[in-house]
PDB file of N, CA and C in Angstrom:
ATOM      1  N   MET A   1       2.704  47.790 -45.462  1.00  0.00           N
ATOM      2  CA  MET A   1       2.565  49.189 -44.885  1.00  0.00           C
ATOM      3  C   MET A   1       3.127  50.257 -46.259  1.00  0.00           C
ATOM      4  N   GLY A   2       1.981  50.884 -46.449  1.00  0.00           N
ATOM      5  CA  GLY A   2       2.229  52.173 -47.549  1.00  0.00           C
ATOM      6  C   GLY A   2       3.394  52.990 -47.073  1.00  0.00           C
ATOM      7  N   GLU A   3       3.947  53.571 -48.461  1.00  0.00           N
ATOM      8  CA  GLU A   3       4.653  54.819 -48.405  1.00  0.00           C
ATOM      9  C   GLU A   3       4.603  55.960 -47.249  1.00  0.00           C
ATOM     10  N   GLN A   4       3.428  56.230 -47.010  1.00  0.00           N
ATOM     11  CA  GLN A   4       3.022  57.317 -46.335  1.00  0.00           C
ATOM     12  C   GLN A   4       4.061  57.127 -45.249  1.00  0.00           C
ATOM     13  N   GLU A   5       3.040  56.066 -44.816  1.00  0.00           N
ATOM     14  CA  GLU A   5       3.460  55.036 -42.896  1.00  0.00           C
ATOM     15  C   GLU A   5       4.496  54.887 -42.873  1.00  0.00           C
ATOM     16  N   ARG A   6       5.272  54.814 -43.949  1.00  0.00           N
ATOM     17  CA  ARG A   6       7.039  54.681 -43.863  1.00  0.00           C
ATOM     18  C   ARG A   6       7.782  56.060 -43.254  1.00  0.00           C
ATOM     19  N   TYR A   7       7.189  56.870 -44.318  1.00  0.00           N
ATOM     20  CA  TYR A   7       8.005  58.403 -43.815  1.00  0.00           C
ATOM     21  C   TYR A   7       7.516  58.764 -42.382  1.00  0.00           C
ATOM     22  N   LYS A   8       6.357  58.378 -42.156  1.00  0.00           N
ATOM     23  CA  LYS A   8       6.124  59.082 -40.545  1.00  0.00           C
ATOM     24  C   LYS A   8       6.625  58.280 -39.882  1.00  0.00           C
ATOM     25  N   ASN A   9       7.111  57.118 -39.751  1.00  0.00           N
ATOM     26  CA  ASN A   9       7.624  56.391 -38.876  1.00  0.00           C
ATOM     27  C   ASN A   9       9.303  56.647 -38.910  1.00  0.00           C
ATOM     28  N   MET A  10       9.821  56.962 -40.062  1.00  0.00           N
ATOM     29  CA  MET A  10      11.399  57.614 -40.146  1.00  0.00           C
ATOM     30  C   MET A  10      11.474  58.940 -39.365  1.00  0.00           C
ATOM     31  N   LEU A  11      10.219  59.754 -39.765  1.00  0.00           N
ATOM     32  CA  LEU A  11      10.363  60.741 -39.387  1.00  0.00           C
ATOM     33  C   LEU A  11      10.018  61.170 -37.564  1.00  0.00           C
ATOM     34  N   ARG A  12       9.356  60.137 -36.903  1.00  0.00           N
ATOM     35  CA  ARG A  12       9.437  60.175 -35.710  1.00  0.00           C
ATOM     36  C   ARG A  12      10.569  59.436 -35.083  1.00  0.00           C
ATOM     37  N   LYS A  13      11.299  58.490 -35.618  1.00  0.00           N
ATOM     38  CA  LYS A  13      12.409  58.038 -35.144  1.00  0.00           C
ATOM     39  C   LYS A  13      13.470  59.144 -35.167  1.00  0.00           C
ATOM     40  N   ILE A  14      13.199  60.166 -36.366  1.00  0.00           N
ATOM     41  CA  ILE A  14      14.418  60.944 -36.296  1.00  0.00           C
ATOM     42  C   ILE A  14      14.089  61.895 -35.457  1.00  0.00           C
ATOM     43  N   ILE A  15      12.623  62.074 -34.923  1.00  0.00           N
ATOM     44  CA  ILE A  15      12.619  63.293 -33.984  1.00  0.00           C
ATOM     45  C   ILE A  15      13.043  62.985 -32.991  1.00  0.00           C
ATOM     46  N   ASP A  16      12.957  61.708 -32.344  1.00  0.00           N
ATOM     47  CA  ASP A  16      12.747  61.280 -30.892  1.00  0.00           C
ATOM     48  C   ASP A  16      14.471  60.881 -30.881  1.00  0.00           C
ATOM     49  N   GLU A  17      15.329  60.756 -31.810  1.00  0.00           N
ATOM     50  CA  GLU A  17      16.761  60.711 -31.643  1.00  0.00           C
ATOM     51  C   GLU A  17      17.646  62.471 -31.671  1.00  0.00           C
ATOM     52  N   THR A  18      16.852  63.292 -32.393  1.00  0.00           N
ATOM     53  CA  THR A  18      16.827  64.419 -32.468  1.00  0.00           C
ATOM     54  C   THR A  18      16.694  65.291 -30.424  1.00  0.00           C
ATOM     55  N   GLU A  19      15.447  64.978 -30.031  1.00  0.00           N
ATOM     56  CA  GLU A  19      14.936  65.227 -28.763  1.00  0.00           C
ATOM     57  C   GLU A  19      16.022  64.609 -27.764  1.00  0.00           C
ATOM     58  N   ASN A  20      16.402  63.173 -27.870  1.00  0.00           N
ATOM     59  CA  ASN A  20      17.431  62.463 -27.407  1.00  0.00           C
ATOM     60  C   ASN A  20      19.105  62.739 -27.012  1.00  0.00           C
ATOM     61  N   GLU A  21      19.018  63.495 -27.970  1.00  0.00           N
ATOM     62  CA  GLU A  21      20.599  64.175 -28.331  1.00  0.00           C
ATOM     63  C   GLU A  21      21.250  63.294 -28.802  1.00  0.00           C
ATOM     64  N   LYS A  22      20.571  62.250 -29.702  1.00  0.00           N
ATOM     65  CA  LYS A  22      21.520  61.380 -30.318  1.00  0.00           C
ATOM     66  C   LYS A  22      22.009  61.918 -31.580  1.00  0.00           C
ATOM     67  N   ILE A  23      21.222  62.968 -32.072  1.00  0.00           N
ATOM     68  CA  ILE A  23      21.551  64.164 -33.488  1.00  0.00           C
ATOM     69  C   ILE A  23      21.704  65.256 -32.459  1.00  0.00           C
ATOM     70  N   GLN A  24      22.649  65.978 -33.158  1.00  0.00           N
ATOM     71  CA  GLN A  24      23.183  67.409 -32.102  1.00  0.00           C
ATOM     72  C   GLN A  24      23.345  68.210 -32.936  1.00  0.00           C
ATOM     73  N   THR A  25      23.568  68.092 -34.515  1.00  0.00           N
ATOM     74  CA  THR A  25      23.583  68.850 -35.647  1.00  0.00           C
ATOM     75  C   THR A  25      23.265  68.801 -36.945  1.00  0.00           C
ATOM     76  N   SER A  26      22.890  70.096 -37.702  1.00  0.00           N
ATOM     77  CA  SER A  26      22.000  69.688 -38.895  1.00  0.00           C
ATOM     78  C   SER A  26      22.978  69.132 -39.831  1.00  0.00           C
ATOM     79  N   GLU A  27      24.424  68.468 -39.710  1.00  0.00           N
ATOM     80  CA  GLU A  27      24.823  67.797 -40.711  1.00  0.00           C
ATOM     81  C   GLU A  27      24.683  66.015 -40.316  1.00  0.00           C
ATOM     82  N   GLU A  28      24.367  65.963 -38.909  1.00  0.00           N
ATOM     83  CA  GLU A  28      24.320  65.230 -38.370  1.00  0.00           C
ATOM     84  C   GLU A  28      22.648  64.610 -38.832  1.00  0.00           C
ATOM     85  N   LEU A  29      22.020  65.427 -38.701  1.00  0.00           N
ATOM     86  CA  LEU A  29      20.291  65.271 -39.177  1.00  0.00           C
ATOM     87  C   LEU A  29      20.438  65.253 -40.865  1.00  0.00           C
ATOM     88  N   ILE A  30      21.169  65.500 -41.441  1.00  0.00           N
ATOM     89  CA  ILE A  30      21.127  65.220 -42.673  1.00  0.00           C
ATOM     90  C   ILE A  30      21.463  63.902 -43.261  1.00  0.00           C
ATOM     91  N   ARG A  31      22.667  63.733 -42.725  1.00  0.00           N
ATOM     92  CA  ARG A  31      23.481  62.412 -43.097  1.00  0.00           C
ATOM     93  C   ARG A  31      22.361  61.429 -42.522  1.00  0.00           C
ATOM     94  N   THR A  32      21.886  61.510 -41.694  1.00  0.00           N
ATOM     95  CA  THR A  32      20.357  60.613 -40.615  1.00  0.00           C
ATOM     96  C   THR A  32      19.534  60.595 -42.205  1.00  0.00           C
ATOM     97  N   LEU A  33      18.921  61.761 -42.092  1.00  0.00           N
ATOM     98  CA  LEU A  33      17.679  61.511 -42.971  1.00  0.00           C
ATOM     99  C   LEU A  33      18.497  60.928 -44.448  1.00  0.00           C
ATOM    100  N   ILE A  34      19.398  60.904 -44.900  1.00  0.00           N
ATOM    101  CA  ILE A  34      19.432  60.584 -46.294  1.00  0.00           C
ATOM    102  C   ILE A  34      19.504  58.953 -46.331  1.00  0.00           C
ATOM    103  N   ASN A  35      20.735  58.600 -45.032  1.00  0.00           N
ATOM    104  CA  ASN A  35      20.723  57.376 -44.668  1.00  0.00           C
ATOM    105  C   ASN A  35      19.637  56.660 -44.750  1.00  0.00           C
ATOM    106  N   GLU A  36      18.133  56.969 -43.890  1.00  0.00           N
ATOM    107  CA  GLU A  36      17.074  56.346 -43.611  1.00  0.00           C
ATOM    108  C   GLU A  36      16.241  56.442 -44.900  1.00  0.00           C
ATOM    109  N   LEU A  37      16.514  57.532 -46.154  1.00  0.00           N
ATOM    110  CA  LEU A  37      15.742  57.227 -47.062  1.00  0.00           C
ATOM    111  C   LEU A  37      16.193  56.433 -47.543  1.00  0.00           C
ATOM    112  N   THR A  38      17.366  56.403 -47.950  1.00  0.00           N
ATOM    113  CA  THR A  38      18.545  55.591 -48.944  1.00  0.00           C
ATOM    114  C   THR A  38      18.345  53.826 -48.552  1.00  0.00           C
ATOM    115  N   THR A  39      18.204  53.728 -47.173  1.00  0.00           N
ATOM    116  CA  THR A  39      18.080  52.259 -46.632  1.00  0.00           C
ATOM    117  C   THR A  39      16.788  51.594 -46.475  1.00  0.00           C
ATOM    118  N   ASN A  40      16.404  52.247 -45.452  1.00  0.00           N
ATOM    119  CA  ASN A  40      15.387  51.874 -45.006  1.00  0.00           C
ATOM    120  C   ASN A  40      14.148  52.195 -46.123  1.00  0.00           C
ATOM    121  N   ILE A  41      14.087  53.676 -46.770  1.00  0.00           N
ATOM    122  CA  ILE A  41      12.523  53.300 -47.749  1.00  0.00           C
ATOM    123  C   ILE A  41      12.700  53.112 -48.509  1.00  0.00           C
ATOM    124  N   GLY A  42      14.228  53.277 -49.473  1.00  0.00           N
ATOM    125  CA  GLY A  42      14.622  52.534 -50.814  1.00  0.00           C
ATOM    126  C   GLY A  42      14.426  53.967 -52.102  1.00  0.00           C
ATOM    127  N   VAL A  43      14.750  54.937 -51.343  1.00  0.00           N
ATOM    128  CA  VAL A  43      14.635  56.096 -52.572  1.00  0.00           C
ATOM    129  C   VAL A  43      15.972  56.088 -53.077  1.00  0.00           C
ATOM    130  N   LYS A  44      16.073  56.061 -54.461  1.00  0.00           N
ATOM    131  CA  LYS A  44      17.761  56.496 -55.235  1.00  0.00           C
ATOM    132  C   LYS A  44      18.052  57.607 -55.288  1.00  0.00           C
ATOM    133  N   SER A  45      19.098  57.886 -55.049  1.00  0.00           N
ATOM    134  CA  SER A  45      19.256  59.589 -54.900  1.00  0.00           C
ATOM    135  C   SER A  45      19.932  59.471 -56.281  1.00  0.00           C
ATOM    136  N   GLN A  46      19.831  60.952 -56.830  1.00  0.00           N
ATOM    137  CA  GLN A  46      20.001  61.788 -58.398  1.00  0.00           C
ATOM    138  C   GLN A  46      21.145  62.227 -58.261  1.00  0.00           C
ATOM    139  N   HIS A  47      21.556  62.598 -56.829  1.00  0.00           N
ATOM    140  CA  HIS A  47      22.713  63.554 -56.814  1.00  0.00           C
ATOM    141  C   HIS A  47      23.776  62.762 -56.448  1.00  0.00           C
ATOM    142  N   PRO A  48      24.629  63.306 -57.414  1.00  0.00           N
ATOM    143  CA  PRO A  48      26.581  62.158 -57.834  1.00  0.00           C
ATOM    144  C   PRO A  48      27.358  62.326 -56.455  1.00  0.00           C
ATOM    145  N   LEU A  49      26.779  63.644 -55.522  1.00  0.00           N
ATOM    146  CA  LEU A  49      27.273  63.804 -54.404  1.00  0.00           C
ATOM    147  C   LEU A  49      27.250  62.948 -52.875  1.00  0.00           C
ATOM    148  N   VAL A  50      26.312  62.045 -53.297  1.00  0.00           N
ATOM    149  CA  VAL A  50      24.867  61.434 -52.213  1.00  0.00           C
ATOM    150  C   VAL A  50      25.032  59.786 -52.987  1.00  0.00           C
ATOM    151  N   LYS A  51      25.685  58.993 -52.454  1.00  0.00           N
ATOM    152  CA  LYS A  51      25.796  57.421 -52.885  1.00  0.00           C
ATOM    153  C   LYS A  51      24.821  56.810 -51.984  1.00  0.00           C
TER     154      LYS A  51
END
């Protein structure tokens, strides 16, 4: 699976969770995005506050 496909799948999942009200605030959305990017996509954070 290509990188673009992984991003599309991640965004689909997050949109579904938002529509199903599993994600209700912008903070939850940001935390979910960061978690998805770091654990499932493998992006390494360069920001010192994001682990």
